[in-house]
């Protein structure tokens, strides 16, 4: 099963440590490591007193997003550990393993590799020296391609292929046509 949640660089959980003074109830600001206490939701905070997990609302409150208040004051030297968990919402996703549909435009800033065919209006699949190349929408006015085929290609049954201009097939390479091929 894939990992779901914030990436580790986004601090899925943050730990804050405080050494209490006599009767201290409020813990906020920088901890003993200089990290400033903050959390997104008090429901995703665990508080420990000397390693013992405290009970939310019974032993402490966490409502300000920047502080935790103990119900009873701590003893001088007690260690208070506050663990704040990051929260996230997964929405508007397309499954990597099951696929799905994008209903808006998809923009790639780099190289995109497509394995398999496409379907729908404006799509197509082209096979050549660079392997299968698929498009998912309307193309430009011109399709530019090489004039010599330097790899074996099979046009499967039920597929239509089109090549414009003269086509040279390199020595020892074959085009297997089980579907339809038009050279215009």
Protein backbone atom coordinates (compact mmCIF):
# COMPACT_ATOMS: atom_id res chain seq x y z
CA UNK A 1 0.00 0.00 0.00
CA UNK A 2 1.41 3.43 -0.91
CA UNK A 3 2.20 6.03 1.73
CA UNK A 4 -0.63 8.50 2.25
CA UNK A 5 0.05 11.78 3.97
CA UNK A 6 2.50 14.63 4.10
CA UNK A 7 5.96 13.79 2.87
CA UNK A 8 8.54 13.42 5.65
CA UNK A 9 10.08 16.76 4.67
CA UNK A 10 6.78 18.38 5.68
CA UNK A 11 7.04 17.14 9.28
CA UNK A 12 4.26 14.58 9.63
CA UNK A 13 4.83 14.83 13.35
CA UNK A 14 6.73 17.35 15.44
CA UNK A 15 7.98 16.82 19.01
CA UNK A 16 8.43 19.61 21.51
CA UNK A 17 10.14 19.17 24.91
CA UNK A 18 9.77 21.47 27.90
CA UNK A 19 11.31 21.27 31.40
CA UNK A 20 8.65 22.50 33.83
CA UNK A 21 9.11 24.99 36.62
CA UNK A 22 7.23 24.56 39.91
CA UNK A 23 3.42 24.58 39.37
CA UNK A 24 3.78 25.47 35.68
CA UNK A 25 0.60 24.84 33.67
CA UNK A 26 1.14 26.76 30.40
CA UNK A 27 3.63 25.51 27.80
CA UNK A 28 4.24 27.60 24.67
CA UNK A 29 6.96 29.29 22.66
CA UNK A 30 10.41 27.79 22.20
CA UNK A 31 11.10 24.37 23.74
CA UNK A 32 14.45 23.18 25.13
CA UNK A 33 15.67 22.61 21.55
CA UNK A 34 14.59 26.07 20.36
CA UNK A 35 11.61 24.80 18.35
CA UNK A 36 8.49 26.96 18.67
CA UNK A 37 5.31 25.08 19.57
CA UNK A 38 2.60 25.17 16.93
CA UNK A 39 -0.04 22.69 15.78
CA UNK A 40 -2.94 22.66 13.33
CA UNK A 41 -5.65 21.11 15.50
CA UNK A 42 -5.76 20.27 19.21
CA UNK A 43 -7.37 16.94 18.34
CA UNK A 44 -4.04 15.88 16.81
CA UNK A 45 -1.81 16.58 19.82
CA UNK A 46 -0.47 14.09 22.38
CA UNK A 47 0.93 15.37 25.67
CA UNK A 48 3.24 13.32 27.92
CA UNK A 49 4.31 14.16 31.48
CA UNK A 50 7.51 12.29 32.39
CA UNK A 51 6.69 9.72 29.69
CA UNK A 52 3.07 9.14 30.75
CA UNK A 53 0.42 9.96 28.14
CA UNK A 54 -2.05 12.52 29.48
CA UNK A 55 -5.76 12.47 28.69
CA UNK A 56 -7.10 15.27 26.46
CA UNK A 57 -9.51 17.61 28.30
CA UNK A 58 -9.08 15.65 31.55
CA UNK A 59 -5.36 16.42 32.05
CA UNK A 60 -4.69 19.19 29.52
CA UNK A 61 -6.25 21.44 26.88
CA UNK A 62 -4.84 22.31 23.46
CA UNK A 63 -7.02 24.89 21.73
CA UNK A 64 -4.85 27.87 20.78
CA UNK A 65 -2.64 26.19 18.13
CA UNK A 66 0.41 27.64 19.95
CA UNK A 67 0.12 26.46 23.58
CA UNK A 68 -0.89 23.56 25.82
CA UNK A 69 -2.31 24.06 29.32
CA UNK A 70 -2.11 21.37 32.00
CA UNK A 71 -5.11 21.10 34.35
CA UNK A 72 -2.78 20.54 37.33
CA UNK A 73 0.56 22.30 37.73
CA UNK A 74 3.72 20.30 37.02
CA UNK A 75 6.54 19.77 39.50
CA UNK A 76 9.83 21.60 38.92
CA UNK A 77 12.03 19.50 36.62
CA UNK A 78 9.16 17.46 35.09
CA UNK A 79 9.60 16.74 31.39
CA UNK A 80 6.61 17.71 29.24
CA UNK A 81 6.64 16.26 25.73
CA UNK A 82 4.12 17.52 23.18
CA UNK A 83 3.69 15.61 19.92
CA UNK A 84 1.82 17.52 17.20
CA UNK A 85 0.66 15.53 14.17
CA UNK A 86 0.23 17.14 10.76
CA UNK A 87 -3.23 16.89 9.23
CA UNK A 88 -4.07 16.71 5.56
CA UNK A 89 -6.96 16.21 3.23
CA UNK A 90 -6.77 14.03 0.13
CA UNK A 91 -9.05 15.21 -2.62
CA UNK A 92 -9.27 15.50 -6.36
CA UNK A 93 -6.85 12.68 -7.09
CA UNK A 94 -6.46 10.09 -9.82
CA UNK A 95 -5.27 6.66 -8.72
CA UNK A 96 -1.87 5.61 -10.04
CA UNK A 97 -2.84 1.92 -10.06
CA UNK A 98 -6.52 2.10 -11.06
CA UNK A 99 -6.40 5.12 -13.38
CA UNK A 100 -9.10 7.74 -13.71
CA UNK A 101 -10.08 10.79 -15.70
CA UNK A 102 -8.75 14.32 -15.71
CA UNK A 103 -11.55 16.66 -16.64
CA UNK A 104 -9.31 19.72 -16.95
CA UNK A 105 -6.08 20.51 -18.77
CA UNK A 106 -2.90 18.73 -17.71
CA UNK A 107 0.38 20.61 -18.15
CA UNK A 108 3.77 18.89 -18.12
CA UNK A 109 6.93 20.89 -17.47
CA UNK A 110 9.43 18.25 -18.42
CA UNK A 111 9.33 14.84 -19.99
CA UNK A 112 6.18 12.73 -19.88
CA UNK A 113 6.31 9.03 -20.72
CA UNK A 114 3.14 7.24 -21.74
CA UNK A 115 2.87 3.46 -21.90
CA UNK A 116 -0.23 2.18 -23.62
CA UNK A 117 -2.70 3.69 -26.03
CA UNK A 118 -5.06 6.59 -25.72
CA UNK A 119 -8.70 6.88 -26.48
CA UNK A 120 -11.18 9.64 -27.03
CA UNK A 121 -11.45 12.49 -29.49
CA UNK A 122 -8.18 13.89 -30.76
CA UNK A 123 -5.96 11.13 -29.34
CA UNK A 124 -3.62 8.85 -31.19
CA UNK A 125 -0.68 6.54 -30.82
CA UNK A 126 2.50 6.71 -32.86
CA UNK A 127 5.30 4.14 -32.81
CA UNK A 128 8.79 4.70 -34.09
CA UNK A 129 12.47 4.98 -33.18
CA UNK A 130 11.63 6.64 -29.87
CA UNK A 131 9.07 4.00 -28.89
CA UNK A 132 5.35 4.58 -28.40
CA UNK A 133 4.39 8.24 -28.17
CA UNK A 134 0.83 9.12 -27.24
CA UNK A 135 -1.10 12.34 -27.34
CA UNK A 136 -4.17 13.16 -25.34
CA UNK A 137 -5.70 16.06 -27.22
CA UNK A 138 -5.65 18.14 -30.37
CA UNK A 139 -2.26 18.49 -31.97
CA UNK A 140 -0.52 21.32 -33.73
CA UNK A 141 -0.85 21.88 -37.46
CA UNK A 142 2.21 19.79 -38.31
CA UNK A 143 3.38 16.41 -37.14
CA UNK A 144 7.11 16.14 -37.79
CA UNK A 145 8.72 12.70 -37.94
CA UNK A 146 11.83 11.02 -39.23
CA UNK A 147 11.86 9.68 -42.78
CA UNK A 148 13.75 6.47 -41.96
CA UNK A 149 12.49 3.74 -39.65
CA UNK A 150 15.32 2.26 -37.59
CA UNK A 151 13.40 -0.15 -35.39
CA UNK A 152 10.92 -2.99 -35.81
CA UNK A 153 7.29 -1.85 -35.67
CA UNK A 154 4.05 -3.81 -35.46
CA UNK A 155 0.70 -2.26 -36.35
CA UNK A 156 -1.72 -4.41 -34.42
CA UNK A 157 -5.03 -5.77 -35.67
CA UNK A 158 -7.69 -3.09 -35.26
CA UNK A 159 -5.14 -0.25 -35.49
CA UNK A 160 -4.75 2.28 -38.27
CA UNK A 161 -1.37 3.86 -39.02
CA UNK A 162 -0.46 6.76 -41.28
CA UNK A 163 2.94 7.86 -42.53
CA UNK A 164 3.40 11.02 -44.59
CA UNK A 165 6.04 11.31 -47.26
CA UNK A 166 8.54 8.76 -48.45
CA UNK A 167 9.40 6.10 -45.88
CA UNK A 168 12.69 4.24 -45.81
CA UNK A 169 12.96 1.12 -43.66
CA UNK A 170 16.53 0.53 -42.46
CA UNK A 171 18.25 -2.72 -43.43
CA UNK A 172 17.21 -5.63 -41.20
CA UNK A 173 14.18 -3.80 -39.77
CA UNK A 174 10.58 -4.83 -40.42
CA UNK A 175 7.13 -3.33 -40.36
CA UNK A 176 4.50 -5.93 -39.48
CA UNK A 177 1.03 -4.80 -40.53
CA UNK A 178 -1.85 -6.70 -38.95
CA UNK A 179 -4.10 -3.64 -39.12
CA UNK A 180 -4.02 -0.87 -41.71
CA UNK A 181 -1.08 1.23 -42.92
CA UNK A 182 -1.37 4.17 -45.30
CA UNK A 183 1.71 5.90 -46.70
CA UNK A 184 0.68 9.21 -48.18
